[in-house]
């Protein structure tokens, strides 16, 4: 499954690395790619939405919306 999270506060490479690091620790994540310009996080794998949202929150960012990609 592929999920795309909209995270409006993403603004720089620090944001990118912080989110990729936290989301990458979640069991079931096959890949995570943060697009700074699009302010989005693309996650592939079997991890639950709640766990992914928690990881993004742990990195210090708030999810505005999520869609299947």
PDB file of N, CA and C in Angstrom:
ATOM      1  N   UNK A   1       0.844  -1.177   0.000  1.00  0.00           N
ATOM      2  CA  UNK A   1       0.000   0.000   0.000  1.00  0.00           C
ATOM      3  C   UNK A   1       0.893   1.246   0.000  1.00  0.00           C
ATOM      4  N   UNK A   2       0.452   2.252  -0.717  1.00  0.00           N
ATOM      5  CA  UNK A   2       1.177   3.520  -0.775  1.00  0.00           C
ATOM      6  C   UNK A   2       0.271   4.638  -0.271  1.00  0.00           C
ATOM      7  N   UNK A   3       0.771   5.402   0.688  1.00  0.00           N
ATOM      8  CA  UNK A   3       0.030   6.527   1.249  1.00  0.00           C
ATOM      9  C   UNK A   3       0.821   7.809   1.037  1.00  0.00           C
ATOM     10  N   UNK A   4       0.092   8.902   0.716  1.00  0.00           N
ATOM     11  CA  UNK A   4       0.726  10.209   0.559  1.00  0.00           C
ATOM     12  C   UNK A   4       0.141  11.144   1.619  1.00  0.00           C
ATOM     13  N   UNK A   5       1.021  11.629   2.493  1.00  0.00           N
ATOM     14  CA  UNK A   5       0.618  12.537   3.559  1.00  0.00           C
ATOM     15  C   UNK A   5       0.959  13.971   3.162  1.00  0.00           C
ATOM     16  N   UNK A   6       0.022  14.870   3.364  1.00  0.00           N
ATOM     17  CA  UNK A   6       0.271  16.291   3.177  1.00  0.00           C
ATOM     18  C   UNK A   6       0.721  16.852   4.523  1.00  0.00           C
ATOM     19  N   UNK A   7       1.916  17.459   4.534  1.00  0.00           N
ATOM     20  CA  UNK A   7       2.491  18.004   5.764  1.00  0.00           C
ATOM     21  C   UNK A   7       2.954  19.438   5.459  1.00  0.00           C
ATOM     22  N   UNK A   8       2.064  20.420   5.650  1.00  0.00           N
ATOM     23  CA  UNK A   8       2.351  21.805   5.256  1.00  0.00           C
ATOM     24  C   UNK A   8       3.598  22.436   5.873  1.00  0.00           C
ATOM     25  N   UNK A   9       4.056  21.958   7.022  1.00  0.00           N
ATOM     26  CA  UNK A   9       5.199  22.586   7.697  1.00  0.00           C
ATOM     27  C   UNK A   9       6.551  22.165   7.122  1.00  0.00           C
ATOM     28  N   UNK A  10       6.575  21.232   6.172  1.00  0.00           N
ATOM     29  CA  UNK A  10       7.850  20.828   5.571  1.00  0.00           C
ATOM     30  C   UNK A  10       8.400  22.012   4.774  1.00  0.00           C
ATOM     31  N   UNK A  11       9.640  22.415   5.105  1.00  0.00           N
ATOM     32  CA  UNK A  11      10.195  23.583   4.431  1.00  0.00           C
ATOM     33  C   UNK A  11      11.667  23.466   4.044  1.00  0.00           C
ATOM     34  N   UNK A  12      12.349  22.396   4.497  1.00  0.00           N
ATOM     35  CA  UNK A  12      13.785  22.331   4.236  1.00  0.00           C
ATOM     36  C   UNK A  12      14.291  20.887   4.325  1.00  0.00           C
ATOM     37  N   UNK A  13      15.582  20.721   4.051  1.00  0.00           N
ATOM     38  CA  UNK A  13      16.174  19.383   4.105  1.00  0.00           C
ATOM     39  C   UNK A  13      16.190  18.820   5.524  1.00  0.00           C
ATOM     40  N   UNK A  14      16.274  19.695   6.537  1.00  0.00           N
ATOM     41  CA  UNK A  14      16.214  19.207   7.920  1.00  0.00           C
ATOM     42  C   UNK A  14      14.867  18.525   8.169  1.00  0.00           C
ATOM     43  N   UNK A  15      13.799  19.152   7.693  1.00  0.00           N
ATOM     44  CA  UNK A  15      12.456  18.567   7.824  1.00  0.00           C
ATOM     45  C   UNK A  15      12.435  17.192   7.148  1.00  0.00           C
ATOM     46  N   UNK A  16      12.952  17.154   5.932  1.00  0.00           N
ATOM     47  CA  UNK A  16      12.997  15.918   5.138  1.00  0.00           C
ATOM     48  C   UNK A  16      13.694  14.801   5.900  1.00  0.00           C
ATOM     49  N   UNK A  17      14.871  15.076   6.414  1.00  0.00           N
ATOM     50  CA  UNK A  17      15.644  14.044   7.105  1.00  0.00           C
ATOM     51  C   UNK A  17      14.993  13.623   8.424  1.00  0.00           C
ATOM     52  N   UNK A  18      14.420  14.574   9.153  1.00  0.00           N
ATOM     53  CA  UNK A  18      13.767  14.248  10.427  1.00  0.00           C
ATOM     54  C   UNK A  18      12.581  13.308  10.200  1.00  0.00           C
ATOM     55  N   UNK A  19      11.761  13.617   9.212  1.00  0.00           N
ATOM     56  CA  UNK A  19      10.580  12.785   8.937  1.00  0.00           C
ATOM     57  C   UNK A  19      10.991  11.432   8.383  1.00  0.00           C
ATOM     58  N   UNK A  20      11.913  11.413   7.422  1.00  0.00           N
ATOM     59  CA  UNK A  20      12.346  10.130   6.848  1.00  0.00           C
ATOM     60  C   UNK A  20      12.953   9.228   7.914  1.00  0.00           C
ATOM     61  N   UNK A  21      13.683   9.811   8.853  1.00  0.00           N
ATOM     62  CA  UNK A  21      14.297   9.029   9.923  1.00  0.00           C
ATOM     63  C   UNK A  21      13.236   8.398  10.827  1.00  0.00           C
ATOM     64  N   UNK A  22      12.272   9.181  11.276  1.00  0.00           N
ATOM     65  CA  UNK A  22      11.240   8.659  12.181  1.00  0.00           C
ATOM     66  C   UNK A  22      10.323   7.651  11.490  1.00  0.00           C
ATOM     67  N   UNK A  23       9.859   7.981  10.296  1.00  0.00           N
ATOM     68  CA  UNK A  23       8.940   7.079   9.585  1.00  0.00           C
ATOM     69  C   UNK A  23       9.671   5.790   9.202  1.00  0.00           C
ATOM     70  N   UNK A  24      10.940   5.905   8.874  1.00  0.00           N
ATOM     71  CA  UNK A  24      11.728   4.729   8.502  1.00  0.00           C
ATOM     72  C   UNK A  24      11.868   3.709   9.621  1.00  0.00           C
ATOM     73  N   UNK A  25      11.666   4.123  10.861  1.00  0.00           N
ATOM     74  CA  UNK A  25      11.763   3.222  12.015  1.00  0.00           C
ATOM     75  C   UNK A  25      10.503   2.385  12.220  1.00  0.00           C
ATOM     76  N   UNK A  26       9.396   2.755  11.560  1.00  0.00           N
ATOM     77  CA  UNK A  26       8.117   2.069  11.758  1.00  0.00           C
ATOM     78  C   UNK A  26       8.150   0.713  11.062  1.00  0.00           C
ATOM     79  N   UNK A  27       7.761  -0.333  11.788  1.00  0.00           N
ATOM     80  CA  UNK A  27       7.713  -1.673  11.216  1.00  0.00           C
ATOM     81  C   UNK A  27       6.736  -1.700  10.052  1.00  0.00           C
ATOM     82  N   UNK A  28       7.161  -2.314   8.950  1.00  0.00           N
ATOM     83  CA  UNK A  28       6.296  -2.440   7.788  1.00  0.00           C
ATOM     84  C   UNK A  28       6.525  -1.375   6.735  1.00  0.00           C
ATOM     85  N   UNK A  29       7.403  -0.396   7.004  1.00  0.00           N
ATOM     86  CA  UNK A  29       7.692   0.644   6.016  1.00  0.00           C
ATOM     87  C   UNK A  29       8.749   0.118   5.051  1.00  0.00           C
ATOM     88  N   UNK A  30       8.381   0.052   3.769  1.00  0.00           N
ATOM     89  CA  UNK A  30       9.323  -0.396   2.746  1.00  0.00           C
ATOM     90  C   UNK A  30      10.147   0.781   2.228  1.00  0.00           C
ATOM     91  N   UNK A  31       9.502   1.942   2.090  1.00  0.00           N
ATOM     92  CA  UNK A  31      10.227   3.145   1.676  1.00  0.00           C
ATOM     93  C   UNK A  31       9.460   4.384   2.117  1.00  0.00           C
ATOM     94  N   UNK A  32      10.216   5.458   2.318  1.00  0.00           N
ATOM     95  CA  UNK A  32       9.616   6.754   2.670  1.00  0.00           C
ATOM     96  C   UNK A  32      10.396   7.828   1.926  1.00  0.00           C
ATOM     97  N   UNK A  33       9.654   8.694   1.230  1.00  0.00           N
ATOM     98  CA  UNK A  33      10.270   9.776   0.473  1.00  0.00           C
ATOM     99  C   UNK A  33       9.537  11.073   0.805  1.00  0.00           C
ATOM    100  N   UNK A  34      10.293  12.058   1.275  1.00  0.00           N
ATOM    101  CA  UNK A  34       9.730  13.373   1.569  1.00  0.00           C
ATOM    102  C   UNK A  34      10.047  14.298   0.398  1.00  0.00           C
ATOM    103  N   UNK A  35       9.007  14.936  -0.136  1.00  0.00           N
ATOM    104  CA  UNK A  35       9.159  15.923  -1.201  1.00  0.00           C
ATOM    105  C   UNK A  35       8.973  17.300  -0.572  1.00  0.00           C
ATOM    106  N   UNK A  36      10.076  18.027  -0.414  1.00  0.00           N
ATOM    107  CA  UNK A  36      10.043  19.327   0.258  1.00  0.00           C
ATOM    108  C   UNK A  36       9.169  20.317  -0.518  1.00  0.00           C
ATOM    109  N   UNK A  37       9.319  20.354  -1.836  1.00  0.00           N
ATOM    110  CA  UNK A  37       8.557  21.311  -2.644  1.00  0.00           C
ATOM    111  C   UNK A  37       7.058  21.040  -2.597  1.00  0.00           C
ATOM    112  N   UNK A  38       6.675  19.760  -2.628  1.00  0.00           N
ATOM    113  CA  UNK A  38       5.253  19.396  -2.603  1.00  0.00           C
ATOM    114  C   UNK A  38       4.702  19.339  -1.182  1.00  0.00           C
ATOM    115  N   UNK A  39       5.605  19.418  -0.192  1.00  0.00           N
ATOM    116  CA  UNK A  39       5.221  19.322   1.219  1.00  0.00           C
ATOM    117  C   UNK A  39       4.446  18.031   1.480  1.00  0.00           C
ATOM    118  N   UNK A  40       5.031  16.920   0.974  1.00  0.00           N
ATOM    119  CA  UNK A  40       4.359  15.626   1.107  1.00  0.00           C
ATOM    120  C   UNK A  40       5.336  14.539   1.533  1.00  0.00           C
ATOM    121  N   UNK A  41       4.745  13.484   2.106  1.00  0.00           N
ATOM    122  CA  UNK A  41       5.493  12.308   2.538  1.00  0.00           C
ATOM    123  C   UNK A  41       4.845  11.106   1.864  1.00  0.00           C
ATOM    124  N   UNK A  42       5.608  10.397   1.036  1.00  0.00           N
ATOM    125  CA  UNK A  42       5.113   9.228   0.329  1.00  0.00           C
ATOM    126  C   UNK A  42       5.672   7.988   1.022  1.00  0.00           C
ATOM    127  N   UNK A  43       4.767   7.130   1.513  1.00  0.00           N
ATOM    128  CA  UNK A  43       5.184   5.949   2.263  1.00  0.00           C
ATOM    129  C   UNK A  43       4.651   4.699   1.580  1.00  0.00           C
ATOM    130  N   UNK A  44       5.536   3.733   1.334  1.00  0.00           N
ATOM    131  CA  UNK A  44       5.145   2.445   0.781  1.00  0.00           C
ATOM    132  C   UNK A  44       5.389   1.383   1.835  1.00  0.00           C
ATOM    133  N   UNK A  45       4.460   0.425   1.919  1.00  0.00           N
ATOM    134  CA  UNK A  45       4.623  -0.676   2.858  1.00  0.00           C
ATOM    135  C   UNK A  45       3.310  -1.095   3.466  1.00  0.00           C
ATOM    136  N   UNK A  46       3.411  -1.791   4.590  1.00  0.00           N
ATOM    137  CA  UNK A  46       2.233  -2.354   5.245  1.00  0.00           C
ATOM    138  C   UNK A  46       1.941  -1.726   6.601  1.00  0.00           C
ATOM    139  N   UNK A  47       2.672  -0.678   6.953  1.00  0.00           N
ATOM    140  CA  UNK A  47       2.481  -0.029   8.260  1.00  0.00           C
ATOM    141  C   UNK A  47       1.101   0.624   8.343  1.00  0.00           C
ATOM    142  N   UNK A  48       0.550   0.649   9.551  1.00  0.00           N
ATOM    143  CA  UNK A  48      -0.768   1.241   9.783  1.00  0.00           C
ATOM    144  C   UNK A  48      -0.694   2.770   9.732  1.00  0.00           C
ATOM    145  N   UNK A  49      -1.769   3.365   9.234  1.00  0.00           N
ATOM    146  CA  UNK A  49      -1.864   4.824   9.136  1.00  0.00           C
ATOM    147  C   UNK A  49      -1.588   5.494  10.482  1.00  0.00           C
ATOM    148  N   UNK A  50      -2.162   4.974  11.554  1.00  0.00           N
ATOM    149  CA  UNK A  50      -1.981   5.573  12.879  1.00  0.00           C
ATOM    150  C   UNK A  50      -0.509   5.588  13.292  1.00  0.00           C
ATOM    151  N   UNK A  51       0.220   4.518  12.980  1.00  0.00           N
ATOM    152  CA  UNK A  51       1.639   4.456  13.330  1.00  0.00           C
ATOM    153  C   UNK A  51       2.456   5.447  12.509  1.00  0.00           C
ATOM    154  N   UNK A  52       2.084   5.603  11.247  1.00  0.00           N
ATOM    155  CA  UNK A  52       2.795   6.549  10.388  1.00  0.00           C
ATOM    156  C   UNK A  52       2.542   7.981  10.830  1.00  0.00           C
ATOM    157  N   UNK A  53       1.287   8.289  11.161  1.00  0.00           N
ATOM    158  CA  UNK A  53       0.962   9.626  11.668  1.00  0.00           C
ATOM    159  C   UNK A  53       1.714   9.906  12.964  1.00  0.00           C
ATOM    160  N   UNK A  54       1.812   8.907  13.826  1.00  0.00           N
ATOM    161  CA  UNK A  54       2.529   9.071  15.097  1.00  0.00           C
ATOM    162  C   UNK A  54       4.012   9.348  14.853  1.00  0.00           C
ATOM    163  N   UNK A  55       4.593   8.687  13.869  1.00  0.00           N
ATOM    164  CA  UNK A  55       6.010   8.901  13.556  1.00  0.00           C
ATOM    165  C   UNK A  55       6.242  10.306  13.007  1.00  0.00           C
ATOM    166  N   UNK A  56       5.344  10.776  12.154  1.00  0.00           N
ATOM    167  CA  UNK A  56       5.464  12.139  11.623  1.00  0.00           C
ATOM    168  C   UNK A  56       5.314  13.142  12.762  1.00  0.00           C
ATOM    169  N   UNK A  57       4.379  12.883  13.663  1.00  0.00           N
ATOM    170  CA  UNK A  57       4.189  13.732  14.839  1.00  0.00           C
ATOM    171  C   UNK A  57       5.436  13.723  15.714  1.00  0.00           C
ATOM    172  N   UNK A  58       6.026  12.555  15.896  1.00  0.00           N
ATOM    173  CA  UNK A  58       7.237  12.418  16.716  1.00  0.00           C
ATOM    174  C   UNK A  58       8.387  13.243  16.130  1.00  0.00           C
ATOM    175  N   UNK A  59       8.403  13.351  14.799  1.00  0.00           N
ATOM    176  CA  UNK A  59       9.434  14.153  14.141  1.00  0.00           C
ATOM    177  C   UNK A  59       9.176  15.655  14.302  1.00  0.00           C
ATOM    178  N   UNK A  60       7.968  16.002  14.790  1.00  0.00           N
ATOM    179  CA  UNK A  60       7.660  17.399  15.051  1.00  0.00           C
ATOM    180  C   UNK A  60       6.761  18.062  14.018  1.00  0.00           C
ATOM    181  N   UNK A  61       6.049  17.241  13.240  1.00  0.00           N
ATOM    182  CA  UNK A  61       5.224  17.777  12.153  1.00  0.00           C
ATOM    183  C   UNK A  61       3.806  17.246  12.247  1.00  0.00           C
ATOM    184  N   UNK A  62       2.859  18.009  11.704  1.00  0.00           N
ATOM    185  CA  UNK A  62       1.444  17.639  11.765  1.00  0.00           C
ATOM    186  C   UNK A  62       0.948  17.288  10.368  1.00  0.00           C
ATOM    187  N   UNK A  63       0.235  16.170  10.288  1.00  0.00           N
ATOM    188  CA  UNK A  63      -0.354  15.735   9.020  1.00  0.00           C
ATOM    189  C   UNK A  63      -1.638  16.518   8.779  1.00  0.00           C
ATOM    190  N   UNK A  64      -1.758  17.123   7.580  1.00  0.00           N
ATOM    191  CA  UNK A  64      -2.979  17.858   7.232  1.00  0.00           C
ATOM    192  C   UNK A  64      -3.993  16.922   6.585  1.00  0.00           C
ATOM    193  N   UNK A  65      -3.500  15.992   5.754  1.00  0.00           N
ATOM    194  CA  UNK A  65      -4.396  15.046   5.096  1.00  0.00           C
ATOM    195  C   UNK A  65      -3.599  13.853   4.593  1.00  0.00           C
ATOM    196  N   UNK A  66      -4.324  12.792   4.231  1.00  0.00           N
ATOM    197  CA  UNK A  66      -3.692  11.594   3.704  1.00  0.00           C
ATOM    198  C   UNK A  66      -4.542  11.081   2.545  1.00  0.00           C
ATOM    199  N   UNK A  67      -3.861  10.523   1.546  1.00  0.00           N
ATOM    200  CA  UNK A  67      -4.565   9.935   0.399  1.00  0.00           C
ATOM    201  C   UNK A  67      -3.784   8.708  -0.063  1.00  0.00           C
ATOM    202  N   UNK A  68      -4.484   7.768  -0.657  1.00  0.00           N
ATOM    203  CA  UNK A  68      -3.775   6.633  -1.250  1.00  0.00           C
ATOM    204  C   UNK A  68      -3.172   7.106  -2.559  1.00  0.00           C
ATOM    205  N   UNK A  69      -1.974   6.649  -2.809  1.00  0.00           N
ATOM    206  CA  UNK A  69      -1.269   7.100  -4.026  1.00  0.00           C
ATOM    207  C   UNK A  69      -1.192   5.972  -5.041  1.00  0.00           C
TER     208      UNK A  69
END
